[in-house]
């Protein structure tokens, strides 16, 4: 599953876009670089019932924004993404979304 697909699945499950998670994390003080991933994961589990895999996708977005490593971009692996930039504003508005 691509990184973008993880984010789309989280949106399906919670009704929140990655950008909305970033905003909520900022309000809660979790966007501070010193905030540990475990703290964010606990919040996501308690408030949204997100497991570790999906939670870590949100942790990445909260801490790093839309940029991801080029490691899997264009690869043939299961975690392949088409771009090194994630769409954070909801899958319905993603100009690159197919189907």
PDB file of N, CA and C in Angstrom:
ATOM      1  N   UNK A   1       0.849  -1.176   0.000  1.00  0.00           N
ATOM      2  CA  UNK A   1       0.000   0.000   0.000  1.00  0.00           C
ATOM      3  C   UNK A   1       0.896   1.240   0.000  1.00  0.00           C
ATOM      4  N   UNK A   2       0.593   2.166  -0.866  1.00  0.00           N
ATOM      5  CA  UNK A   2       1.386   3.390  -0.932  1.00  0.00           C
ATOM      6  C   UNK A   2       1.112   4.277   0.281  1.00  0.00           C
ATOM      7  N   UNK A   3       2.007   5.203   0.519  1.00  0.00           N
ATOM      8  CA  UNK A   3       1.851   6.157   1.613  1.00  0.00           C
ATOM      9  C   UNK A   3       0.550   6.933   1.407  1.00  0.00           C
ATOM     10  N   UNK A   4       0.307   7.366   0.171  1.00  0.00           N
ATOM     11  CA  UNK A   4      -0.910   8.123  -0.111  1.00  0.00           C
ATOM     12  C   UNK A   4      -2.155   7.285   0.162  1.00  0.00           C
ATOM     13  N   UNK A   5      -2.103   5.998  -0.161  1.00  0.00           N
ATOM     14  CA  UNK A   5      -3.243   5.115   0.114  1.00  0.00           C
ATOM     15  C   UNK A   5      -3.492   4.998   1.614  1.00  0.00           C
ATOM     16  N   UNK A   6      -2.426   4.961   2.418  1.00  0.00           N
ATOM     17  CA  UNK A   6      -2.599   4.958   3.875  1.00  0.00           C
ATOM     18  C   UNK A   6      -3.385   6.192   4.301  1.00  0.00           C
ATOM     19  N   UNK A   7      -2.977   7.355   3.779  1.00  0.00           N
ATOM     20  CA  UNK A   7      -3.658   8.593   4.159  1.00  0.00           C
ATOM     21  C   UNK A   7      -5.113   8.592   3.706  1.00  0.00           C
ATOM     22  N   UNK A   8      -5.366   8.065   2.510  1.00  0.00           N
ATOM     23  CA  UNK A   8      -6.747   7.984   2.024  1.00  0.00           C
ATOM     24  C   UNK A   8      -7.585   7.058   2.905  1.00  0.00           C
ATOM     25  N   UNK A   9      -7.005   5.945   3.348  1.00  0.00           N
ATOM     26  CA  UNK A   9      -7.717   5.020   4.235  1.00  0.00           C
ATOM     27  C   UNK A   9      -8.018   5.668   5.583  1.00  0.00           C
ATOM     28  N   UNK A  10      -7.081   6.447   6.085  1.00  0.00           N
ATOM     29  CA  UNK A  10      -7.301   7.159   7.352  1.00  0.00           C
ATOM     30  C   UNK A  10      -8.450   8.140   7.198  1.00  0.00           C
ATOM     31  N   UNK A  11      -8.493   8.831   6.077  1.00  0.00           N
ATOM     32  CA  UNK A  11      -9.599   9.759   5.820  1.00  0.00           C
ATOM     33  C   UNK A  11     -10.932   9.016   5.767  1.00  0.00           C
ATOM     34  N   UNK A  12     -10.960   7.849   5.110  1.00  0.00           N
ATOM     35  CA  UNK A  12     -12.188   7.038   5.070  1.00  0.00           C
ATOM     36  C   UNK A  12     -12.637   6.648   6.469  1.00  0.00           C
ATOM     37  N   UNK A  13     -11.687   6.276   7.303  1.00  0.00           N
ATOM     38  CA  UNK A  13     -11.994   5.793   8.648  1.00  0.00           C
ATOM     39  C   UNK A  13     -12.420   6.914   9.597  1.00  0.00           C
ATOM     40  N   UNK A  14     -11.760   8.062   9.498  1.00  0.00           N
ATOM     41  CA  UNK A  14     -11.980   9.128  10.488  1.00  0.00           C
ATOM     42  C   UNK A  14     -12.797  10.309   9.975  1.00  0.00           C
ATOM     43  N   UNK A  15     -12.858  10.464   8.654  1.00  0.00           N
ATOM     44  CA  UNK A  15     -13.518  11.636   8.084  1.00  0.00           C
ATOM     45  C   UNK A  15     -12.643  12.877   8.095  1.00  0.00           C
ATOM     46  N   UNK A  16     -11.378  12.723   8.502  1.00  0.00           N
ATOM     47  CA  UNK A  16     -10.455  13.852   8.577  1.00  0.00           C
ATOM     48  C   UNK A  16      -9.351  13.715   7.537  1.00  0.00           C
ATOM     49  N   UNK A  17      -8.999  14.834   6.929  1.00  0.00           N
ATOM     50  CA  UNK A  17      -7.884  14.840   5.989  1.00  0.00           C
ATOM     51  C   UNK A  17      -6.564  14.917   6.746  1.00  0.00           C
ATOM     52  N   UNK A  18      -5.476  14.571   6.094  1.00  0.00           N
ATOM     53  CA  UNK A  18      -4.175  14.723   6.748  1.00  0.00           C
ATOM     54  C   UNK A  18      -3.932  16.165   7.209  1.00  0.00           C
ATOM     55  N   UNK A  19      -4.344  17.130   6.410  1.00  0.00           N
ATOM     56  CA  UNK A  19      -4.155  18.530   6.796  1.00  0.00           C
ATOM     57  C   UNK A  19      -4.919  18.832   8.083  1.00  0.00           C
ATOM     58  N   UNK A  20      -6.115  18.287   8.228  1.00  0.00           N
ATOM     59  CA  UNK A  20      -6.886  18.505   9.460  1.00  0.00           C
ATOM     60  C   UNK A  20      -6.177  17.879  10.659  1.00  0.00           C
ATOM     61  N   UNK A  21      -5.586  16.702  10.464  1.00  0.00           N
ATOM     62  CA  UNK A  21      -4.797  16.104  11.551  1.00  0.00           C
ATOM     63  C   UNK A  21      -3.626  16.993  11.920  1.00  0.00           C
ATOM     64  N   UNK A  22      -2.976  17.581  10.935  1.00  0.00           N
ATOM     65  CA  UNK A  22      -1.864  18.495  11.205  1.00  0.00           C
ATOM     66  C   UNK A  22      -2.338  19.682  12.041  1.00  0.00           C
ATOM     67  N   UNK A  23      -3.502  20.219  11.702  1.00  0.00           N
ATOM     68  CA  UNK A  23      -4.043  21.369  12.436  1.00  0.00           C
ATOM     69  C   UNK A  23      -4.393  21.003  13.871  1.00  0.00           C
ATOM     70  N   UNK A  24      -5.006  19.843  14.056  1.00  0.00           N
ATOM     71  CA  UNK A  24      -5.367  19.398  15.405  1.00  0.00           C
ATOM     72  C   UNK A  24      -4.099  19.149  16.226  1.00  0.00           C
ATOM     73  N   UNK A  25      -3.118  18.510  15.599  1.00  0.00           N
ATOM     74  CA  UNK A  25      -1.849  18.248  16.291  1.00  0.00           C
ATOM     75  C   UNK A  25      -1.193  19.557  16.711  1.00  0.00           C
ATOM     76  N   UNK A  26      -1.257  20.559  15.857  1.00  0.00           N
ATOM     77  CA  UNK A  26      -0.687  21.868  16.191  1.00  0.00           C
ATOM     78  C   UNK A  26      -1.407  22.462  17.406  1.00  0.00           C
ATOM     79  N   UNK A  27      -2.745  22.387  17.396  1.00  0.00           N
ATOM     80  CA  UNK A  27      -3.533  22.911  18.527  1.00  0.00           C
ATOM     81  C   UNK A  27      -3.180  22.213  19.832  1.00  0.00           C
ATOM     82  N   UNK A  28      -2.879  20.925  19.750  1.00  0.00           N
ATOM     83  CA  UNK A  28      -2.559  20.142  20.944  1.00  0.00           C
ATOM     84  C   UNK A  28      -1.083  20.254  21.341  1.00  0.00           C
ATOM     85  N   UNK A  29      -0.299  20.937  20.529  1.00  0.00           N
ATOM     86  CA  UNK A  29       1.125  21.085  20.811  1.00  0.00           C
ATOM     87  C   UNK A  29       1.970  19.916  20.347  1.00  0.00           C
ATOM     88  N   UNK A  30       1.406  19.021  19.534  1.00  0.00           N
ATOM     89  CA  UNK A  30       2.129  17.836  19.091  1.00  0.00           C
ATOM     90  C   UNK A  30       3.023  18.091  17.887  1.00  0.00           C
ATOM     91  N   UNK A  31       2.947  19.252  17.283  1.00  0.00           N
ATOM     92  CA  UNK A  31       3.798  19.528  16.131  1.00  0.00           C
ATOM     93  C   UNK A  31       5.190  20.007  16.545  1.00  0.00           C
ATOM     94  N   UNK A  32       5.384  20.194  17.840  1.00  0.00           N
ATOM     95  CA  UNK A  32       6.698  20.564  18.348  1.00  0.00           C
ATOM     96  C   UNK A  32       7.685  19.447  18.012  1.00  0.00           C
ATOM     97  N   UNK A  33       8.853  19.779  17.479  1.00  0.00           N
ATOM     98  CA  UNK A  33       9.822  18.738  17.101  1.00  0.00           C
ATOM     99  C   UNK A  33      10.223  17.804  18.244  1.00  0.00           C
ATOM    100  N   UNK A  34      10.093  18.263  19.475  1.00  0.00           N
ATOM    101  CA  UNK A  34      10.478  17.415  20.604  1.00  0.00           C
ATOM    102  C   UNK A  34       9.403  16.391  20.985  1.00  0.00           C
ATOM    103  N   UNK A  35       8.218  16.515  20.414  1.00  0.00           N
ATOM    104  CA  UNK A  35       7.144  15.568  20.724  1.00  0.00           C
ATOM    105  C   UNK A  35       7.508  14.192  20.181  1.00  0.00           C
ATOM    106  N   UNK A  36       7.439  13.204  21.022  1.00  0.00           N
ATOM    107  CA  UNK A  36       7.760  11.830  20.637  1.00  0.00           C
ATOM    108  C   UNK A  36       6.617  11.212  19.842  1.00  0.00           C
ATOM    109  N   UNK A  37       6.973  10.331  18.934  1.00  0.00           N
ATOM    110  CA  UNK A  37       5.970   9.635  18.121  1.00  0.00           C
ATOM    111  C   UNK A  37       4.966   8.900  19.003  1.00  0.00           C
ATOM    112  N   UNK A  38       5.435   8.300  20.094  1.00  0.00           N
ATOM    113  CA  UNK A  38       4.552   7.550  20.989  1.00  0.00           C
ATOM    114  C   UNK A  38       3.435   8.401  21.564  1.00  0.00           C
ATOM    115  N   UNK A  39       3.724   9.653  21.837  1.00  0.00           N
ATOM    116  CA  UNK A  39       2.701  10.567  22.357  1.00  0.00           C
ATOM    117  C   UNK A  39       1.616  10.787  21.315  1.00  0.00           C
ATOM    118  N   UNK A  40       2.026  11.000  20.077  1.00  0.00           N
ATOM    119  CA  UNK A  40       1.061  11.210  18.997  1.00  0.00           C
ATOM    120  C   UNK A  40       0.280   9.930  18.735  1.00  0.00           C
ATOM    121  N   UNK A  41       0.951   8.787  18.759  1.00  0.00           N
ATOM    122  CA  UNK A  41       0.271   7.511  18.546  1.00  0.00           C
ATOM    123  C   UNK A  41      -0.784   7.250  19.611  1.00  0.00           C
ATOM    124  N   UNK A  42      -0.474   7.578  20.859  1.00  0.00           N
ATOM    125  CA  UNK A  42      -1.455   7.401  21.943  1.00  0.00           C
ATOM    126  C   UNK A  42      -2.696   8.256  21.698  1.00  0.00           C
ATOM    127  N   UNK A  43      -2.500   9.504  21.281  1.00  0.00           N
ATOM    128  CA  UNK A  43      -3.615  10.400  20.970  1.00  0.00           C
ATOM    129  C   UNK A  43      -4.454   9.837  19.817  1.00  0.00           C
ATOM    130  N   UNK A  44      -3.797   9.389  18.749  1.00  0.00           N
ATOM    131  CA  UNK A  44      -4.520   8.876  17.584  1.00  0.00           C
ATOM    132  C   UNK A  44      -5.289   7.599  17.915  1.00  0.00           C
ATOM    133  N   UNK A  45      -4.729   6.762  18.767  1.00  0.00           N
ATOM    134  CA  UNK A  45      -5.418   5.534  19.188  1.00  0.00           C
ATOM    135  C   UNK A  45      -6.619   5.879  20.056  1.00  0.00           C
ATOM    136  N   UNK A  46      -6.437   6.766  21.021  1.00  0.00           N
ATOM    137  CA  UNK A  46      -7.512   7.106  21.959  1.00  0.00           C
ATOM    138  C   UNK A  46      -8.654   7.852  21.280  1.00  0.00           C
ATOM    139  N   UNK A  47      -8.342   8.808  20.434  1.00  0.00           N
ATOM    140  CA  UNK A  47      -9.380   9.651  19.847  1.00  0.00           C
ATOM    141  C   UNK A  47      -9.947   9.128  18.530  1.00  0.00           C
ATOM    142  N   UNK A  48      -9.145   8.342  17.780  1.00  0.00           N
ATOM    143  CA  UNK A  48      -9.572   7.935  16.441  1.00  0.00           C
ATOM    144  C   UNK A  48      -9.442   6.441  16.179  1.00  0.00           C
ATOM    145  N   UNK A  49      -9.004   5.695  17.180  1.00  0.00           N
ATOM    146  CA  UNK A  49      -8.831   4.248  17.080  1.00  0.00           C
ATOM    147  C   UNK A  49      -7.920   3.855  15.912  1.00  0.00           C
ATOM    148  N   UNK A  50      -6.876   4.642  15.688  1.00  0.00           N
ATOM    149  CA  UNK A  50      -5.916   4.314  14.633  1.00  0.00           C
ATOM    150  C   UNK A  50      -4.821   3.420  15.201  1.00  0.00           C
ATOM    151  N   UNK A  51      -4.504   2.384  14.465  1.00  0.00           N
ATOM    152  CA  UNK A  51      -3.422   1.490  14.849  1.00  0.00           C
ATOM    153  C   UNK A  51      -2.069   2.091  14.532  1.00  0.00           C
ATOM    154  N   UNK A  52      -1.040   1.342  14.838  1.00  0.00           N
ATOM    155  CA  UNK A  52       0.323   1.841  14.708  1.00  0.00           C
ATOM    156  C   UNK A  52       0.691   2.223  13.263  1.00  0.00           C
ATOM    157  N   UNK A  53       0.369   1.396  12.295  1.00  0.00           N
ATOM    158  CA  UNK A  53       0.737   1.683  10.906  1.00  0.00           C
ATOM    159  C   UNK A  53       0.133   2.981  10.396  1.00  0.00           C
ATOM    160  N   UNK A  54      -1.172   3.099  10.566  1.00  0.00           N
ATOM    161  CA  UNK A  54      -1.841   4.324  10.133  1.00  0.00           C
ATOM    162  C   UNK A  54      -1.419   5.510  10.995  1.00  0.00           C
ATOM    163  N   UNK A  55      -1.224   5.248  12.279  1.00  0.00           N
ATOM    164  CA  UNK A  55      -0.776   6.306  13.170  1.00  0.00           C
ATOM    165  C   UNK A  55       0.583   6.847  12.771  1.00  0.00           C
ATOM    166  N   UNK A  56       1.494   5.961  12.381  1.00  0.00           N
ATOM    167  CA  UNK A  56       2.824   6.415  11.975  1.00  0.00           C
ATOM    168  C   UNK A  56       2.770   7.238  10.689  1.00  0.00           C
ATOM    169  N   UNK A  57       1.807   6.963   9.832  1.00  0.00           N
ATOM    170  CA  UNK A  57       1.642   7.796   8.636  1.00  0.00           C
ATOM    171  C   UNK A  57       1.278   9.223   9.046  1.00  0.00           C
ATOM    172  N   UNK A  58       0.393   9.356  10.025  1.00  0.00           N
ATOM    173  CA  UNK A  58       0.022  10.685  10.514  1.00  0.00           C
ATOM    174  C   UNK A  58       1.189  11.328  11.255  1.00  0.00           C
ATOM    175  N   UNK A  59       1.929  10.552  12.025  1.00  0.00           N
ATOM    176  CA  UNK A  59       3.109  11.083  12.715  1.00  0.00           C
ATOM    177  C   UNK A  59       4.059  11.700  11.685  1.00  0.00           C
ATOM    178  N   UNK A  60       4.297  10.979  10.601  1.00  0.00           N
ATOM    179  CA  UNK A  60       5.193  11.497   9.568  1.00  0.00           C
ATOM    180  C   UNK A  60       4.689  12.837   9.029  1.00  0.00           C
ATOM    181  N   UNK A  61       3.408  12.907   8.721  1.00  0.00           N
ATOM    182  CA  UNK A  61       2.837  14.137   8.165  1.00  0.00           C
ATOM    183  C   UNK A  61       2.922  15.276   9.179  1.00  0.00           C
ATOM    184  N   UNK A  62       2.624  14.990  10.438  1.00  0.00           N
ATOM    185  CA  UNK A  62       2.686  16.024  11.481  1.00  0.00           C
ATOM    186  C   UNK A  62       4.115  16.547  11.612  1.00  0.00           C
ATOM    187  N   UNK A  63       5.081  15.663  11.567  1.00  0.00           N
ATOM    188  CA  UNK A  63       6.470  16.060  11.791  1.00  0.00           C
ATOM    189  C   UNK A  63       7.182  16.555  10.531  1.00  0.00           C
ATOM    190  N   UNK A  64       6.759  16.083   9.345  1.00  0.00           N
ATOM    191  CA  UNK A  64       7.512  16.371   8.119  1.00  0.00           C
ATOM    192  C   UNK A  64       6.707  17.034   7.013  1.00  0.00           C
ATOM    193  N   UNK A  65       5.413  17.155   7.194  1.00  0.00           N
ATOM    194  CA  UNK A  65       4.601  17.732   6.131  1.00  0.00           C
ATOM    195  C   UNK A  65       4.402  16.763   4.988  1.00  0.00           C
ATOM    196  N   UNK A  66       4.259  17.286   3.794  1.00  0.00           N
ATOM    197  CA  UNK A  66       3.879  16.492   2.626  1.00  0.00           C
ATOM    198  C   UNK A  66       5.029  15.751   1.961  1.00  0.00           C
ATOM    199  N   UNK A  67       6.265  16.095   2.258  1.00  0.00           N
ATOM    200  CA  UNK A  67       7.403  15.467   1.588  1.00  0.00           C
ATOM    201  C   UNK A  67       7.715  14.093   2.164  1.00  0.00           C
ATOM    202  N   UNK A  68       7.958  13.140   1.266  1.00  0.00           N
ATOM    203  CA  UNK A  68       8.386  11.800   1.658  1.00  0.00           C
ATOM    204  C   UNK A  68       9.689  11.476   0.928  1.00  0.00           C
ATOM    205  N   UNK A  69      10.352  10.452   1.380  1.00  0.00           N
ATOM    206  CA  UNK A  69      11.589  10.003   0.760  1.00  0.00           C
ATOM    207  C   UNK A  69      11.323   9.542  -0.672  1.00  0.00           C
ATOM    208  N   UNK A  70      12.272   9.792  -1.532  1.00  0.00           N
ATOM    209  CA  UNK A  70      12.157   9.337  -2.922  1.00  0.00           C
ATOM    210  C   UNK A  70      12.441   7.844  -3.058  1.00  0.00           C
ATOM    211  N   UNK A  71      12.724   7.186  -1.971  1.00  0.00           N
ATOM    212  CA  UNK A  71      13.112   5.772  -1.973  1.00  0.00           C
ATOM    213  C   UNK A  71      12.123   4.887  -2.740  1.00  0.00           C
ATOM    214  N   UNK A  72      10.837   5.107  -2.544  1.00  0.00           N
ATOM    215  CA  UNK A  72       9.834   4.242  -3.166  1.00  0.00           C
ATOM    216  C   UNK A  72       9.144   4.882  -4.369  1.00  0.00           C
ATOM    217  N   UNK A  73       9.491   6.103  -4.678  1.00  0.00           N
ATOM    218  CA  UNK A  73       8.833   6.791  -5.794  1.00  0.00           C
ATOM    219  C   UNK A  73       9.241   6.125  -7.101  1.00  0.00           C
ATOM    220  N   UNK A  74       8.229   5.689  -7.843  1.00  0.00           N
ATOM    221  CA  UNK A  74       8.486   5.061  -9.127  1.00  0.00           C
ATOM    222  C   UNK A  74       8.988   3.637  -9.057  1.00  0.00           C
ATOM    223  N   UNK A  75       9.121   3.077  -7.849  1.00  0.00           N
ATOM    224  CA  UNK A  75       9.577   1.691  -7.719  1.00  0.00           C
ATOM    225  C   UNK A  75       8.426   0.751  -8.046  1.00  0.00           C
ATOM    226  N   UNK A  76       8.716  -0.503  -8.096  1.00  0.00           N
ATOM    227  CA  UNK A  76       7.658  -1.470  -8.394  1.00  0.00           C
ATOM    228  C   UNK A  76       7.150  -2.167  -7.138  1.00  0.00           C
ATOM    229  N   UNK A  77       7.606  -1.759  -5.977  1.00  0.00           N
ATOM    230  CA  UNK A  77       7.207  -2.387  -4.722  1.00  0.00           C
ATOM    231  C   UNK A  77       5.795  -2.015  -4.298  1.00  0.00           C
ATOM    232  N   UNK A  78       5.312  -2.683  -3.267  1.00  0.00           N
ATOM    233  CA  UNK A  78       3.949  -2.445  -2.799  1.00  0.00           C
ATOM    234  C   UNK A  78       3.780  -1.092  -2.137  1.00  0.00           C
ATOM    235  N   UNK A  79       4.872  -0.498  -1.685  1.00  0.00           N
ATOM    236  CA  UNK A  79       4.793   0.806  -1.030  1.00  0.00           C
ATOM    237  C   UNK A  79       5.136   1.946  -1.988  1.00  0.00           C
ATOM    238  N   UNK A  80       4.955   1.716  -3.271  1.00  0.00           N
ATOM    239  CA  UNK A  80       5.316   2.683  -4.297  1.00  0.00           C
ATOM    240  C   UNK A  80       4.361   3.866  -4.299  1.00  0.00           C
ATOM    241  N   UNK A  81       4.929   5.064  -4.390  1.00  0.00           N
ATOM    242  CA  UNK A  81       4.149   6.274  -4.571  1.00  0.00           C
ATOM    243  C   UNK A  81       4.562   6.900  -5.901  1.00  0.00           C
ATOM    244  N   UNK A  82       3.655   7.651  -6.499  1.00  0.00           N
ATOM    245  CA  UNK A  82       3.935   8.281  -7.784  1.00  0.00           C
ATOM    246  C   UNK A  82       4.746   9.560  -7.647  1.00  0.00           C
ATOM    247  N   UNK A  83       4.796  10.109  -6.436  1.00  0.00           N
ATOM    248  CA  UNK A  83       5.444  11.389  -6.219  1.00  0.00           C
ATOM    249  C   UNK A  83       6.075  11.422  -4.832  1.00  0.00           C
ATOM    250  N   UNK A  84       7.026  12.324  -4.636  1.00  0.00           N
ATOM    251  CA  UNK A  84       7.613  12.492  -3.306  1.00  0.00           C
ATOM    252  C   UNK A  84       6.849  13.523  -2.489  1.00  0.00           C
ATOM    253  N   UNK A  85       5.700  13.940  -3.000  1.00  0.00           N
ATOM    254  CA  UNK A  85       4.851  14.901  -2.301  1.00  0.00           C
ATOM    255  C   UNK A  85       3.461  14.311  -2.125  1.00  0.00           C
ATOM    256  N   UNK A  86       3.026  14.223  -0.881  1.00  0.00           N
ATOM    257  CA  UNK A  86       1.707  13.675  -0.560  1.00  0.00           C
ATOM    258  C   UNK A  86       0.636  14.744  -0.720  1.00  0.00           C
ATOM    259  N   UNK A  87      -0.572  14.311  -1.035  1.00  0.00           N
ATOM    260  CA  UNK A  87      -1.722  15.203  -1.101  1.00  0.00           C
ATOM    261  C   UNK A  87      -2.374  15.190   0.283  1.00  0.00           C
ATOM    262  N   UNK A  88      -2.447  16.341   0.929  1.00  0.00           N
ATOM    263  CA  UNK A  88      -2.911  16.416   2.315  1.00  0.00           C
ATOM    264  C   UNK A  88      -4.315  16.996   2.474  1.00  0.00           C
ATOM    265  N   UNK A  89      -4.938  17.404   1.383  1.00  0.00           N
ATOM    266  CA  UNK A  89      -6.203  18.130   1.481  1.00  0.00           C
ATOM    267  C   UNK A  89      -7.440  17.310   1.148  1.00  0.00           C
ATOM    268  N   UNK A  90      -7.338  16.009   1.250  1.00  0.00           N
ATOM    269  CA  UNK A  90      -8.495  15.149   1.051  1.00  0.00           C
ATOM    270  C   UNK A  90      -8.519  14.517  -0.321  1.00  0.00           C
ATOM    271  N   UNK A  91      -8.888  13.274  -0.330  1.00  0.00           N
ATOM    272  CA  UNK A  91      -8.819  12.527  -1.587  1.00  0.00           C
ATOM    273  C   UNK A  91      -9.798  13.027  -2.636  1.00  0.00           C
ATOM    274  N   UNK A  92     -10.909  13.621  -2.228  1.00  0.00           N
ATOM    275  CA  UNK A  92     -11.893  14.116  -3.189  1.00  0.00           C
ATOM    276  C   UNK A  92     -11.333  15.273  -4.024  1.00  0.00           C
ATOM    277  N   UNK A  93     -10.349  15.991  -3.475  1.00  0.00           N
ATOM    278  CA  UNK A  93      -9.785  17.128  -4.202  1.00  0.00           C
ATOM    279  C   UNK A  93      -8.417  16.823  -4.814  1.00  0.00           C
ATOM    280  N   UNK A  94      -7.957  15.594  -4.702  1.00  0.00           N
ATOM    281  CA  UNK A  94      -6.644  15.226  -5.209  1.00  0.00           C
ATOM    282  C   UNK A  94      -6.672  15.167  -6.741  1.00  0.00           C
ATOM    283  N   UNK A  95      -5.935  16.048  -7.396  1.00  0.00           N
ATOM    284  CA  UNK A  95      -5.946  16.061  -8.867  1.00  0.00           C
ATOM    285  C   UNK A  95      -5.275  14.838  -9.475  1.00  0.00           C
ATOM    286  N   UNK A  96      -4.511  14.098  -8.687  1.00  0.00           N
ATOM    287  CA  UNK A  96      -3.801  12.914  -9.193  1.00  0.00           C
ATOM    288  C   UNK A  96      -4.547  11.623  -8.916  1.00  0.00           C
ATOM    289  N   UNK A  97      -5.666  11.695  -8.238  1.00  0.00           N
ATOM    290  CA  UNK A  97      -6.420  10.488  -7.857  1.00  0.00           C
ATOM    291  C   UNK A  97      -7.119   9.910  -9.064  1.00  0.00           C
ATOM    292  N   UNK A  98      -6.991   8.616  -9.191  1.00  0.00           N
ATOM    293  CA  UNK A  98      -7.685   7.920 -10.283  1.00  0.00           C
ATOM    294  C   UNK A  98      -8.848   7.156  -9.702  1.00  0.00           C
ATOM    295  N   UNK A  99      -9.950   7.145 -10.439  1.00  0.00           N
ATOM    296  CA  UNK A  99     -11.128   6.374 -10.020  1.00  0.00           C
ATOM    297  C   UNK A  99     -11.922   7.125  -9.084  1.00  0.00           C
TER     298      UNK A  99
END
